[in-house]
């Protein structure tokens, strides 16, 4: 999924966003595979009107919670990392009403901007 995201960003002249978007995609896909207990996953990238929409979902509704993490923890930081990255990019994130999809909307920053 990271490779697909990077190719998509390159096509849309958004390669400068490759690292943070790849991180977001990687963490959200990992969460679906690890925690959803679903049998299907969805991955959506859209670039329109100066915005980049990223969404990863499952066919099973999930529960989303941020855990308190101590600094020595080796896992459990994924969603927090996504939220911090989205915030640093001046974006917003959310969970679909059916609790099957986590999404974020980011300002698209093209190379010539």
C-alpha atoms as a PDB file:
ATOM      1  CA  UNK A   1       0.000   0.000   0.000  1.00  0.00           C
ATOM      2  CA  UNK A   2       2.918   2.339   0.697  1.00  0.00           C
ATOM      3  CA  UNK A   3       4.192   1.792  -2.858  1.00  0.00           C
ATOM      4  CA  UNK A   4       0.768   2.496  -4.298  1.00  0.00           C
ATOM      5  CA  UNK A   5       0.512   5.662  -2.187  1.00  0.00           C
ATOM      6  CA  UNK A   6       3.950   6.877  -3.320  1.00  0.00           C
ATOM      7  CA  UNK A   7       3.100   6.219  -6.992  1.00  0.00           C
ATOM      8  CA  UNK A   8      -0.223   8.038  -6.598  1.00  0.00           C
ATOM      9  CA  UNK A   9       1.487  11.011  -4.950  1.00  0.00           C
ATOM     10  CA  UNK A  10       4.177  11.122  -7.627  1.00  0.00           C
ATOM     11  CA  UNK A  11       1.541  11.086 -10.388  1.00  0.00           C
ATOM     12  CA  UNK A  12      -0.240  14.020  -8.737  1.00  0.00           C
ATOM     13  CA  UNK A  13       3.019  15.941  -8.177  1.00  0.00           C
ATOM     14  CA  UNK A  14       2.745  15.470  -4.406  1.00  0.00           C
ATOM     15  CA  UNK A  15       5.982  13.556  -3.842  1.00  0.00           C
ATOM     16  CA  UNK A  16       6.935  15.938  -1.042  1.00  0.00           C
ATOM     17  CA  UNK A  17       4.139  14.319   0.976  1.00  0.00           C
ATOM     18  CA  UNK A  18       5.391  10.764   0.363  1.00  0.00           C
ATOM     19  CA  UNK A  19       6.960  10.145   3.769  1.00  0.00           C
ATOM     20  CA  UNK A  20       4.108  11.320   6.019  1.00  0.00           C
ATOM     21  CA  UNK A  21       1.387   9.828   3.814  1.00  0.00           C
ATOM     22  CA  UNK A  22       3.254   6.511   3.601  1.00  0.00           C
ATOM     23  CA  UNK A  23       3.503   6.511   7.386  1.00  0.00           C
ATOM     24  CA  UNK A  24      -0.229   7.170   7.765  1.00  0.00           C
ATOM     25  CA  UNK A  25      -1.120   4.472   5.231  1.00  0.00           C
ATOM     26  CA  UNK A  26       1.241   1.959   6.805  1.00  0.00           C
ATOM     27  CA  UNK A  27      -0.109   2.477  10.311  1.00  0.00           C
ATOM     28  CA  UNK A  28      -3.773   2.388   9.264  1.00  0.00           C
ATOM     29  CA  UNK A  29      -3.343  -0.722   7.107  1.00  0.00           C
ATOM     30  CA  UNK A  30      -1.440  -2.421   9.928  1.00  0.00           C
ATOM     31  CA  UNK A  31      -4.299  -1.627  12.311  1.00  0.00           C
ATOM     32  CA  UNK A  32      -6.877  -3.131   9.954  1.00  0.00           C
ATOM     33  CA  UNK A  33      -4.837  -6.293   9.451  1.00  0.00           C
ATOM     34  CA  UNK A  34      -3.928  -6.659  13.121  1.00  0.00           C
ATOM     35  CA  UNK A  35      -7.029  -5.515  14.958  1.00  0.00           C
ATOM     36  CA  UNK A  36     -10.155  -5.595  12.789  1.00  0.00           C
ATOM     37  CA  UNK A  37     -10.794  -9.338  12.567  1.00  0.00           C
ATOM     38  CA  UNK A  38     -12.273  -8.583   9.168  1.00  0.00           C
ATOM     39  CA  UNK A  39     -11.836 -10.526   5.955  1.00  0.00           C
ATOM     40  CA  UNK A  40     -11.655  -7.541   3.615  1.00  0.00           C
ATOM     41  CA  UNK A  41      -9.815  -4.239   3.667  1.00  0.00           C
ATOM     42  CA  UNK A  42     -10.316  -1.065   1.668  1.00  0.00           C
ATOM     43  CA  UNK A  43      -7.775   1.603   0.791  1.00  0.00           C
ATOM     44  CA  UNK A  44      -8.728   4.921  -0.792  1.00  0.00           C
ATOM     45  CA  UNK A  45      -6.632   7.835  -1.990  1.00  0.00           C
ATOM     46  CA  UNK A  46      -8.217  10.843  -3.675  1.00  0.00           C
ATOM     47  CA  UNK A  47      -6.729  14.156  -4.744  1.00  0.00           C
ATOM     48  CA  UNK A  48      -9.254  16.865  -5.493  1.00  0.00           C
ATOM     49  CA  UNK A  49      -9.600  20.614  -4.981  1.00  0.00           C
ATOM     50  CA  UNK A  50      -6.250  20.921  -3.212  1.00  0.00           C
ATOM     51  CA  UNK A  51      -7.026  18.180  -0.704  1.00  0.00           C
ATOM     52  CA  UNK A  52      -5.737  14.653  -0.271  1.00  0.00           C
ATOM     53  CA  UNK A  53      -8.174  12.112   1.171  1.00  0.00           C
ATOM     54  CA  UNK A  54      -6.743   8.926   2.677  1.00  0.00           C
ATOM     55  CA  UNK A  55      -8.974   6.177   4.048  1.00  0.00           C
ATOM     56  CA  UNK A  56      -8.405   2.619   5.232  1.00  0.00           C
ATOM     57  CA  UNK A  57     -11.237   0.384   6.302  1.00  0.00           C
ATOM     58  CA  UNK A  58     -12.407  -3.096   7.109  1.00  0.00           C
ATOM     59  CA  UNK A  59     -15.622  -4.985   6.571  1.00  0.00           C
ATOM     60  CA  UNK A  60     -15.955  -5.256  10.364  1.00  0.00           C
ATOM     61  CA  UNK A  61     -16.742  -2.313  12.628  1.00  0.00           C
ATOM     62  CA  UNK A  62     -13.966  -1.516  15.049  1.00  0.00           C
ATOM     63  CA  UNK A  63     -13.420   0.322  18.247  1.00  0.00           C
ATOM     64  CA  UNK A  64     -10.922   3.133  18.215  1.00  0.00           C
ATOM     65  CA  UNK A  65      -9.129   4.245  21.304  1.00  0.00           C
ATOM     66  CA  UNK A  66      -5.881   5.906  22.165  1.00  0.00           C
ATOM     67  CA  UNK A  67      -3.981   4.097  24.846  1.00  0.00           C
ATOM     68  CA  UNK A  68      -1.667   5.698  27.322  1.00  0.00           C
ATOM     69  CA  UNK A  69       1.800   4.618  26.232  1.00  0.00           C
ATOM     70  CA  UNK A  70       4.914   4.641  28.334  1.00  0.00           C
ATOM     71  CA  UNK A  71       8.088   5.742  26.582  1.00  0.00           C
ATOM     72  CA  UNK A  72       9.539   2.209  26.589  1.00  0.00           C
ATOM     73  CA  UNK A  73       6.557   0.644  24.786  1.00  0.00           C
ATOM     74  CA  UNK A  74       7.457  -1.154  21.576  1.00  0.00           C
ATOM     75  CA  UNK A  75       3.936  -1.148  20.145  1.00  0.00           C
ATOM     76  CA  UNK A  76       0.589   0.561  20.564  1.00  0.00           C
ATOM     77  CA  UNK A  77       1.678   3.925  19.195  1.00  0.00           C
ATOM     78  CA  UNK A  78       0.286   3.620  15.665  1.00  0.00           C
ATOM     79  CA  UNK A  79      -2.930   5.600  15.948  1.00  0.00           C
ATOM     80  CA  UNK A  80      -1.238   8.270  18.047  1.00  0.00           C
ATOM     81  CA  UNK A  81       1.479   8.553  15.387  1.00  0.00           C
ATOM     82  CA  UNK A  82      -1.190   8.929  12.692  1.00  0.00           C
ATOM     83  CA  UNK A  83      -2.979  11.653  14.651  1.00  0.00           C
ATOM     84  CA  UNK A  84       0.241  13.550  15.297  1.00  0.00           C
ATOM     85  CA  UNK A  85       1.258  13.329  11.633  1.00  0.00           C
ATOM     86  CA  UNK A  86      -2.155  14.478  10.420  1.00  0.00           C
ATOM     87  CA  UNK A  87      -2.012  17.382  12.881  1.00  0.00           C
ATOM     88  CA  UNK A  88       1.488  18.383  11.721  1.00  0.00           C
ATOM     89  CA  UNK A  89       0.175  18.487   8.160  1.00  0.00           C
ATOM     90  CA  UNK A  90      -2.741  20.738   9.237  1.00  0.00           C
ATOM     91  CA  UNK A  91      -5.194  18.006   8.361  1.00  0.00           C
ATOM     92  CA  UNK A  92      -8.200  16.457  10.020  1.00  0.00           C
ATOM     93  CA  UNK A  93      -9.073  12.838  10.690  1.00  0.00           C
ATOM     94  CA  UNK A  94     -12.091  10.859  11.679  1.00  0.00           C
ATOM     95  CA  UNK A  95     -13.869   7.547  11.833  1.00  0.00           C
ATOM     96  CA  UNK A  96     -16.823   6.715   9.589  1.00  0.00           C
ATOM     97  CA  UNK A  97     -20.279   6.527  11.153  1.00  0.00           C
ATOM     98  CA  UNK A  98     -20.285   2.744  10.750  1.00  0.00           C
ATOM     99  CA  UNK A  99     -16.869   2.582  12.531  1.00  0.00           C
ATOM    100  CA  UNK A 100     -15.365   0.580   9.657  1.00  0.00           C
ATOM    101  CA  UNK A 101     -13.092   3.249   8.164  1.00  0.00           C
ATOM    102  CA  UNK A 102     -10.491   5.638   9.528  1.00  0.00           C
ATOM    103  CA  UNK A 103      -9.870   8.574   7.232  1.00  0.00           C
ATOM    104  CA  UNK A 104      -7.900  11.780   7.041  1.00  0.00           C
ATOM    105  CA  UNK A 105      -8.096  14.873   4.875  1.00  0.00           C
ATOM    106  CA  UNK A 106      -4.841  16.703   4.236  1.00  0.00           C
ATOM    107  CA  UNK A 107      -3.982  19.903   2.397  1.00  0.00           C
ATOM    108  CA  UNK A 108      -2.237  18.736  -0.786  1.00  0.00           C
ATOM    109  CA  UNK A 109       1.155  20.408  -1.108  1.00  0.00           C
ATOM    110  CA  UNK A 110       2.470  20.082  -4.658  1.00  0.00           C
ATOM    111  CA  UNK A 111       6.173  20.358  -5.486  1.00  0.00           C
ATOM    112  CA  UNK A 112       5.806  23.814  -7.061  1.00  0.00           C
ATOM    113  CA  UNK A 113       4.126  25.325  -3.976  1.00  0.00           C
END
